[in-house]
């Protein structure tokens, strides 16, 4: 699973054989969350959360929004579609 971004110790990954629509998994501190990217224009949206606090989720979604173009490009590179 390629790590495509790091956010304060939280890894943002895209699984190679994952399903559409474009999304990322954020993993860190025993927690995981999944965000739909809504490529190519966003905004990223929380789909599932397993343990992150609201404060952490806000920090993560802001980082995803700031890196949306790169994340969408990474998804296309790995999967070839959104």
N, C-alpha and C. Protein backbone atom coordinates (compact mmCIF):
# COMPACT_ATOMS: atom_id res chain seq x y z
N UNK A 1 0.84 -1.17 0.00
CA UNK A 1 0.00 0.00 0.00
C UNK A 1 0.88 1.24 0.00
N UNK A 2 0.89 1.97 -1.08
CA UNK A 2 1.75 3.14 -1.18
C UNK A 2 1.28 4.28 -0.26
N UNK A 3 2.21 4.80 0.53
CA UNK A 3 1.94 6.00 1.31
C UNK A 3 2.09 7.19 0.37
N UNK A 4 1.05 7.98 0.23
CA UNK A 4 1.08 9.10 -0.72
C UNK A 4 1.21 10.45 -0.04
N UNK A 5 1.07 10.47 1.31
CA UNK A 5 1.18 11.71 2.05
C UNK A 5 1.34 11.35 3.52
N UNK A 6 2.03 12.19 4.26
CA UNK A 6 2.13 12.04 5.72
C UNK A 6 1.62 13.33 6.35
N UNK A 7 0.80 13.17 7.39
CA UNK A 7 0.21 14.31 8.08
C UNK A 7 0.48 14.13 9.57
N UNK A 8 1.50 14.80 10.08
CA UNK A 8 1.84 14.74 11.51
C UNK A 8 1.85 13.31 12.05
N UNK A 9 2.56 12.43 11.38
CA UNK A 9 2.67 11.05 11.84
C UNK A 9 1.56 10.13 11.37
N UNK A 10 0.58 10.66 10.66
CA UNK A 10 -0.51 9.86 10.12
C UNK A 10 -0.21 9.60 8.65
N UNK A 11 -0.25 8.34 8.26
CA UNK A 11 0.01 7.98 6.85
C UNK A 11 -1.28 8.05 6.06
N UNK A 12 -1.18 8.58 4.85
CA UNK A 12 -2.30 8.61 3.91
C UNK A 12 -1.94 7.62 2.80
N UNK A 13 -2.74 6.57 2.65
CA UNK A 13 -2.41 5.50 1.71
C UNK A 13 -3.53 5.26 0.71
N UNK A 14 -3.13 4.72 -0.43
CA UNK A 14 -4.06 4.26 -1.46
C UNK A 14 -3.75 2.80 -1.70
N UNK A 15 -4.72 1.93 -1.50
CA UNK A 15 -4.52 0.50 -1.74
C UNK A 15 -4.55 0.21 -3.23
N UNK A 16 -3.58 -0.55 -3.76
CA UNK A 16 -3.48 -0.79 -5.20
C UNK A 16 -4.69 -1.47 -5.84
N UNK A 17 -5.33 -2.37 -5.16
CA UNK A 17 -6.45 -3.10 -5.76
C UNK A 17 -7.78 -2.67 -5.15
N UNK A 18 -7.89 -1.40 -4.83
CA UNK A 18 -9.09 -0.90 -4.16
C UNK A 18 -10.15 -0.49 -5.19
N UNK A 19 -11.31 -0.17 -4.71
CA UNK A 19 -12.49 0.13 -5.55
C UNK A 19 -12.66 1.63 -5.75
N UNK A 20 -13.45 1.99 -6.74
CA UNK A 20 -13.85 3.38 -6.94
C UNK A 20 -14.99 3.70 -5.98
N UNK A 21 -15.28 4.95 -5.73
CA UNK A 21 -14.63 6.16 -6.22
C UNK A 21 -13.30 6.39 -5.52
N UNK A 22 -12.55 7.37 -6.04
CA UNK A 22 -11.24 7.69 -5.50
C UNK A 22 -11.35 8.04 -4.01
N UNK A 23 -10.51 7.40 -3.21
CA UNK A 23 -10.51 7.65 -1.77
C UNK A 23 -9.15 7.29 -1.20
N UNK A 24 -8.90 7.74 0.02
CA UNK A 24 -7.66 7.42 0.72
C UNK A 24 -8.00 6.90 2.11
N UNK A 25 -7.07 6.12 2.64
CA UNK A 25 -7.14 5.63 4.01
C UNK A 25 -6.08 6.38 4.80
N UNK A 26 -6.45 6.90 5.96
CA UNK A 26 -5.49 7.54 6.84
C UNK A 26 -5.29 6.64 8.05
N UNK A 27 -4.02 6.38 8.37
CA UNK A 27 -3.69 5.39 9.40
C UNK A 27 -2.66 5.99 10.34
N UNK A 28 -2.91 5.90 11.64
CA UNK A 28 -1.94 6.35 12.61
C UNK A 28 -2.46 6.24 14.03
N UNK A 29 -1.57 6.02 14.97
CA UNK A 29 -1.90 5.95 16.40
C UNK A 29 -3.02 4.96 16.69
N UNK A 30 -3.05 3.85 15.97
CA UNK A 30 -4.08 2.84 16.18
C UNK A 30 -5.44 3.21 15.63
N UNK A 31 -5.51 4.27 14.85
CA UNK A 31 -6.78 4.75 14.29
C UNK A 31 -6.73 4.64 12.77
N UNK A 32 -7.90 4.65 12.16
CA UNK A 32 -7.99 4.68 10.70
C UNK A 32 -9.25 5.44 10.30
N UNK A 33 -9.14 6.17 9.20
CA UNK A 33 -10.29 6.86 8.63
C UNK A 33 -10.19 6.76 7.12
N UNK A 34 -11.34 6.83 6.46
CA UNK A 34 -11.40 6.77 5.01
C UNK A 34 -12.07 8.06 4.53
N UNK A 35 -11.44 8.70 3.54
CA UNK A 35 -11.96 9.94 2.98
C UNK A 35 -12.18 9.77 1.49
N UNK A 36 -13.39 10.09 1.01
CA UNK A 36 -13.65 10.18 -0.42
C UNK A 36 -13.01 11.47 -0.90
N UNK A 37 -12.35 11.41 -2.07
CA UNK A 37 -11.63 12.58 -2.57
C UNK A 37 -12.49 13.49 -3.45
N UNK A 38 -13.49 12.94 -4.11
CA UNK A 38 -14.32 13.70 -5.06
C UNK A 38 -13.45 14.36 -6.13
N UNK A 39 -12.55 13.57 -6.70
CA UNK A 39 -11.65 14.06 -7.75
C UNK A 39 -12.46 14.50 -8.97
N UNK A 40 -11.99 15.49 -9.65
CA UNK A 40 -10.74 16.21 -9.44
C UNK A 40 -10.89 17.49 -8.62
N UNK A 41 -12.11 17.89 -8.25
CA UNK A 41 -12.30 19.20 -7.63
C UNK A 41 -12.53 19.18 -6.13
N UNK A 42 -12.81 17.98 -5.56
CA UNK A 42 -13.03 17.91 -4.12
C UNK A 42 -14.40 18.43 -3.75
N UNK A 43 -14.60 18.69 -2.48
CA UNK A 43 -13.66 18.58 -1.38
C UNK A 43 -13.62 17.16 -0.82
N UNK A 44 -12.51 16.80 -0.15
CA UNK A 44 -12.46 15.50 0.52
C UNK A 44 -13.57 15.42 1.57
N UNK A 45 -14.11 14.22 1.73
CA UNK A 45 -15.22 14.03 2.67
C UNK A 45 -15.00 12.77 3.49
N UNK A 46 -15.17 12.87 4.79
CA UNK A 46 -15.02 11.72 5.68
C UNK A 46 -16.09 10.69 5.35
N UNK A 47 -15.67 9.45 5.15
CA UNK A 47 -16.59 8.36 4.88
C UNK A 47 -16.69 7.40 6.06
N UNK A 48 -15.56 7.12 6.70
CA UNK A 48 -15.54 6.21 7.85
C UNK A 48 -14.46 6.69 8.82
N UNK A 49 -14.72 6.54 10.12
CA UNK A 49 -13.73 6.91 11.13
C UNK A 49 -13.69 5.84 12.21
N UNK A 50 -12.50 5.39 12.50
CA UNK A 50 -12.29 4.39 13.55
C UNK A 50 -11.24 4.92 14.52
N UNK A 51 -11.67 5.87 15.38
CA UNK A 51 -10.83 6.28 16.49
C UNK A 51 -10.23 7.67 16.47
N UNK A 52 -10.18 8.36 15.34
CA UNK A 52 -9.62 9.71 15.32
C UNK A 52 -10.58 10.68 16.01
N UNK A 53 -10.02 11.65 16.72
CA UNK A 53 -10.85 12.69 17.35
C UNK A 53 -11.29 13.69 16.28
N UNK A 54 -12.28 14.49 16.63
CA UNK A 54 -12.75 15.53 15.71
C UNK A 54 -11.62 16.48 15.35
N UNK A 55 -10.81 16.85 16.31
CA UNK A 55 -9.67 17.75 16.06
C UNK A 55 -8.69 17.13 15.06
N UNK A 56 -8.40 15.84 15.22
CA UNK A 56 -7.50 15.16 14.29
C UNK A 56 -8.11 15.07 12.90
N UNK A 57 -9.40 14.79 12.82
CA UNK A 57 -10.07 14.69 11.52
C UNK A 57 -10.04 16.02 10.78
N UNK A 58 -10.23 17.11 11.49
CA UNK A 58 -10.17 18.43 10.86
C UNK A 58 -8.78 18.68 10.30
N UNK A 59 -7.76 18.35 11.07
CA UNK A 59 -6.37 18.52 10.62
C UNK A 59 -6.10 17.68 9.38
N UNK A 60 -6.59 16.45 9.38
CA UNK A 60 -6.37 15.55 8.25
C UNK A 60 -7.10 16.04 7.01
N UNK A 61 -8.38 16.38 7.14
CA UNK A 61 -9.15 16.80 5.96
C UNK A 61 -8.58 18.09 5.38
N UNK A 62 -8.07 18.98 6.21
CA UNK A 62 -7.44 20.19 5.69
C UNK A 62 -6.17 19.86 4.90
N UNK A 63 -5.39 18.90 5.39
CA UNK A 63 -4.19 18.48 4.67
C UNK A 63 -4.56 17.80 3.35
N UNK A 64 -5.61 16.99 3.36
CA UNK A 64 -6.06 16.34 2.13
C UNK A 64 -6.52 17.38 1.12
N UNK A 65 -7.28 18.37 1.58
CA UNK A 65 -7.77 19.41 0.67
C UNK A 65 -6.60 20.19 0.07
N UNK A 66 -5.58 20.44 0.87
CA UNK A 66 -4.42 21.18 0.38
C UNK A 66 -3.55 20.39 -0.59
N UNK A 67 -3.74 19.09 -0.61
CA UNK A 67 -2.96 18.22 -1.48
C UNK A 67 -3.83 17.44 -2.45
N UNK A 68 -5.05 17.94 -2.69
CA UNK A 68 -6.03 17.19 -3.49
C UNK A 68 -5.52 16.85 -4.88
N UNK A 69 -4.91 17.78 -5.57
CA UNK A 69 -4.44 17.51 -6.94
C UNK A 69 -3.43 16.36 -6.94
N UNK A 70 -2.50 16.38 -6.00
CA UNK A 70 -1.49 15.31 -5.93
C UNK A 70 -2.13 13.97 -5.57
N UNK A 71 -3.12 13.98 -4.68
CA UNK A 71 -3.79 12.74 -4.29
C UNK A 71 -4.59 12.17 -5.46
N UNK A 72 -5.27 13.02 -6.21
CA UNK A 72 -6.02 12.56 -7.38
C UNK A 72 -5.07 12.01 -8.45
N UNK A 73 -3.93 12.66 -8.62
CA UNK A 73 -2.93 12.17 -9.56
C UNK A 73 -2.40 10.82 -9.12
N UNK A 74 -2.16 10.65 -7.82
CA UNK A 74 -1.68 9.36 -7.31
C UNK A 74 -2.73 8.27 -7.53
N UNK A 75 -4.00 8.59 -7.28
CA UNK A 75 -5.07 7.61 -7.52
C UNK A 75 -5.08 7.18 -8.99
N UNK A 76 -5.02 8.17 -9.90
CA UNK A 76 -5.00 7.86 -11.34
C UNK A 76 -3.78 7.03 -11.71
N UNK A 77 -2.65 7.34 -11.14
CA UNK A 77 -1.42 6.59 -11.42
C UNK A 77 -1.56 5.12 -10.98
N UNK A 78 -2.17 4.91 -9.84
CA UNK A 78 -2.32 3.55 -9.31
C UNK A 78 -3.47 2.81 -9.96
N UNK A 79 -4.60 3.49 -10.20
CA UNK A 79 -5.82 2.82 -10.67
C UNK A 79 -6.21 3.14 -12.10
N UNK A 80 -5.74 4.26 -12.64
CA UNK A 80 -6.06 4.61 -14.02
C UNK A 80 -7.42 5.24 -14.21
N UNK A 81 -8.16 5.49 -13.14
CA UNK A 81 -9.49 6.11 -13.22
C UNK A 81 -9.85 6.63 -11.83
N UNK A 82 -10.92 7.39 -11.77
CA UNK A 82 -11.41 7.85 -10.45
C UNK A 82 -12.45 6.88 -9.94
